Every structure is written in C-alpha cells, then in structure tokens.
C-alpha cells in the first residue's frame, strides 16, 4: 500500500510539472531588429513585426517565438498596394496572413500565405542587419 501511495505521489508531481512547464521551453525568439533581403524588409520588435514589400506591407501580430529548430508559424495581416494615387475613400486591400519561417543564425526564410484566399505570396530570404532591396509601386 505504501508503494502505491509513493507511486501516486511521484505521478502527481510529474503531472504538476508538465502542467506548469513553460510552453516555449527550448524555444528562442527571432532577433529584434531589421532583417532585409530582395523585395522585403522585416522590422522585429518584442511583440511582433512590421513588413514592407515592393508593392505591399503587413504585420506579424504576435511575438516571433521559434521552436527548437528555429521554425515558427504566426498570424498577421498583408495589405496589397498599387501604383498611382490612392483615393481618399479607398479601403485598404487587407487580408489575414500566415507567416511561416525558419531562423538559422543571422538568416531567415519566410513564407507568406493569405489565409482567406490561400494565395501564396512568396518565400523570402532575409539576413539580420542587411538593408532591404525594395522597388515600390509607382
């Protein structure tokens, strides 16, 4: 009987440890700062990021926390832009977006997908501290 009580106590302690563990233990964050590459600029802050593309902009609306392998899947917005003047009453072409990526040292690979239309915007390669090469819509 004492053995069963001891086993129950150990199992209870393990269950409490699992329930109270940090859900991102073993994870990391994408380094705060500017990341750039062809057709993209990513400005990472502690609570998310802003993104500038050649003809669009967007946000990542949650902290850029990675798993043990440097991977992440996050949500945000993507707003298409266009050349020429913007009418005062023109609504933004805003879409919910999924941002999937993988950080490896000072390199980041980012894939952007619009979740309402399942449109693949593209996969981008960025480097920390590198200036973006953007060609804005005219």
Protein backbone atom coordinates (compact mmCIF):
# COMPACT_ATOMS: atom_id res chain seq x y z
CA UNK A 1 0.00 0.00 0.00
CA UNK A 2 2.83 2.38 0.84
CA UNK A 3 4.40 1.63 -2.54
CA UNK A 4 1.18 2.60 -4.36
CA UNK A 5 0.93 5.86 -2.37
CA UNK A 6 4.54 6.66 -3.25
CA UNK A 7 3.90 5.92 -6.94
CA UNK A 8 0.79 8.12 -6.93
CA UNK A 9 2.81 10.92 -5.33
CA UNK A 10 5.53 10.66 -7.99
CA UNK A 11 2.99 10.58 -10.82
CA UNK A 12 1.21 13.59 -9.30
CA UNK A 13 4.47 15.55 -9.14
CA UNK A 14 5.20 14.69 -12.78
CA UNK A 15 1.69 15.79 -13.83
CA UNK A 16 2.08 19.10 -11.99
CA UNK A 17 5.49 19.63 -13.60
CA UNK A 18 4.06 19.02 -17.07
CA UNK A 19 1.06 21.28 -16.45
CA UNK A 20 3.21 24.14 -15.18
CA UNK A 21 6.06 23.95 -17.65
CA UNK A 22 6.89 26.83 -19.94
CA UNK A 23 5.10 26.17 -23.27
CA UNK A 24 8.02 27.65 -25.19
CA UNK A 25 10.78 25.91 -23.25
CA UNK A 26 13.63 25.09 -25.57
CA UNK A 27 12.49 27.80 -27.94
CA UNK A 28 14.04 31.08 -28.95
CA UNK A 29 12.96 34.36 -30.47
CA UNK A 30 13.78 35.87 -33.82
CA UNK A 31 16.36 38.55 -33.05
CA UNK A 32 14.87 42.02 -32.60
CA UNK A 33 15.95 44.49 -35.27
CA UNK A 34 15.88 44.89 -39.01
CA UNK A 35 16.08 41.96 -41.40
CA UNK A 36 16.33 42.58 -45.13
CA UNK A 37 16.54 40.90 -48.49
CA UNK A 38 15.31 41.14 -52.07
CA UNK A 39 11.82 42.70 -52.11
CA UNK A 40 11.33 42.60 -48.31
CA UNK A 41 12.14 44.37 -45.05
CA UNK A 42 11.16 42.92 -41.68
CA UNK A 43 11.34 45.07 -38.54
CA UNK A 44 11.08 42.79 -35.50
CA UNK A 45 10.06 44.13 -32.08
CA UNK A 46 9.26 42.22 -28.90
CA UNK A 47 5.52 41.96 -29.64
CA UNK A 48 5.66 41.20 -33.40
CA UNK A 49 6.90 42.76 -36.60
CA UNK A 50 6.13 45.08 -39.49
CA UNK A 51 6.87 44.06 -43.05
CA UNK A 52 7.47 46.16 -46.15
CA UNK A 53 7.41 44.58 -49.60
CA UNK A 54 7.84 46.08 -53.09
CA UNK A 55 4.09 46.57 -53.51
CA UNK A 56 2.59 45.66 -50.14
CA UNK A 57 3.03 45.88 -46.39
CA UNK A 58 1.97 43.79 -43.43
CA UNK A 59 2.25 42.91 -39.79
CA UNK A 60 3.00 39.89 -37.66
CA UNK A 61 0.73 40.34 -34.68
CA UNK A 62 2.42 38.11 -32.11
CA UNK A 63 5.95 37.62 -30.74
CA UNK A 64 8.29 35.83 -33.16
CA UNK A 65 8.99 32.78 -30.99
CA UNK A 66 10.61 29.78 -32.65
CA UNK A 67 10.68 26.11 -31.76
CA UNK A 68 13.89 24.18 -31.04
CA UNK A 69 14.65 24.02 -34.77
CA UNK A 70 14.17 27.77 -35.31
CA UNK A 71 10.77 27.32 -37.01
CA UNK A 72 7.63 29.37 -36.44
CA UNK A 73 4.09 29.78 -37.74
CA UNK A 74 2.47 33.11 -36.87
CA UNK A 75 -0.52 35.22 -37.88
CA UNK A 76 -0.90 38.78 -39.02
CA UNK A 77 -2.06 40.90 -41.93
CA UNK A 78 -0.99 41.54 -45.50
CA UNK A 79 -2.08 44.69 -47.37
CA UNK A 80 -1.67 44.93 -51.13
CA UNK A 81 -0.63 48.28 -52.57
CA UNK A 82 -0.83 49.62 -56.11
CA UNK A 83 0.81 52.25 -58.22
CA UNK A 84 -0.70 55.67 -58.77
CA UNK A 85 -2.73 57.82 -56.43
CA UNK A 86 -4.82 56.35 -53.64
CA UNK A 87 -8.36 57.71 -53.39
CA UNK A 88 -9.28 59.24 -50.06
CA UNK A 89 -12.20 56.81 -49.61
CA UNK A 90 -10.34 53.76 -50.95
CA UNK A 91 -10.41 50.86 -48.46
CA UNK A 92 -7.12 49.00 -47.98
CA UNK A 93 -6.81 45.61 -49.71
CA UNK A 94 -6.19 43.90 -46.33
CA UNK A 95 -6.05 40.13 -45.81
CA UNK A 96 -5.31 37.85 -42.86
CA UNK A 97 -1.98 36.13 -43.37
CA UNK A 98 0.06 33.19 -42.11
CA UNK A 99 3.80 33.73 -41.76
CA UNK A 100 5.85 30.52 -41.66
CA UNK A 101 9.56 30.66 -41.32
CA UNK A 102 12.81 29.33 -40.01
CA UNK A 103 15.64 31.27 -38.42
CA UNK A 104 19.17 29.94 -38.61
CA UNK A 105 21.72 32.28 -37.06
CA UNK A 106 21.55 35.58 -38.94
CA UNK A 107 19.47 34.11 -41.78
CA UNK A 108 15.69 33.86 -42.01
CA UNK A 109 13.45 32.17 -44.55
CA UNK A 110 9.85 33.44 -44.57
CA UNK A 111 6.81 32.14 -46.48
CA UNK A 112 3.67 34.30 -46.63
CA UNK A 113 0.19 32.91 -47.36
CA UNK A 114 -3.13 34.77 -47.36
CA UNK A 115 -5.42 32.66 -45.20
CA UNK A 116 -8.72 33.90 -46.63
CA UNK A 117 -7.83 33.01 -50.24
CA UNK A 118 -4.97 30.50 -49.66
CA UNK A 119 -2.87 32.60 -52.06
CA UNK A 120 0.87 32.03 -51.69
CA UNK A 121 2.52 35.47 -51.70
CA UNK A 122 6.01 34.00 -51.80
CA UNK A 123 9.04 32.79 -49.92
CA UNK A 124 11.68 35.32 -48.98
CA UNK A 125 15.24 35.01 -47.70
CA UNK A 126 16.36 37.69 -45.25
CA UNK A 127 19.51 38.45 -43.29
CA UNK A 128 19.78 40.29 -39.98
CA UNK A 129 21.14 43.82 -40.29
CA UNK A 130 21.03 43.79 -44.10
CA UNK A 131 19.30 46.61 -45.97
CA UNK A 132 16.22 45.59 -47.94
CA UNK A 133 16.17 45.99 -51.72
CA UNK A 134 12.68 47.37 -52.33
CA UNK A 135 11.21 48.74 -55.55
CA UNK A 136 7.97 50.43 -54.51
CA UNK A 137 4.92 50.60 -56.80
CA UNK A 138 4.82 53.84 -58.77
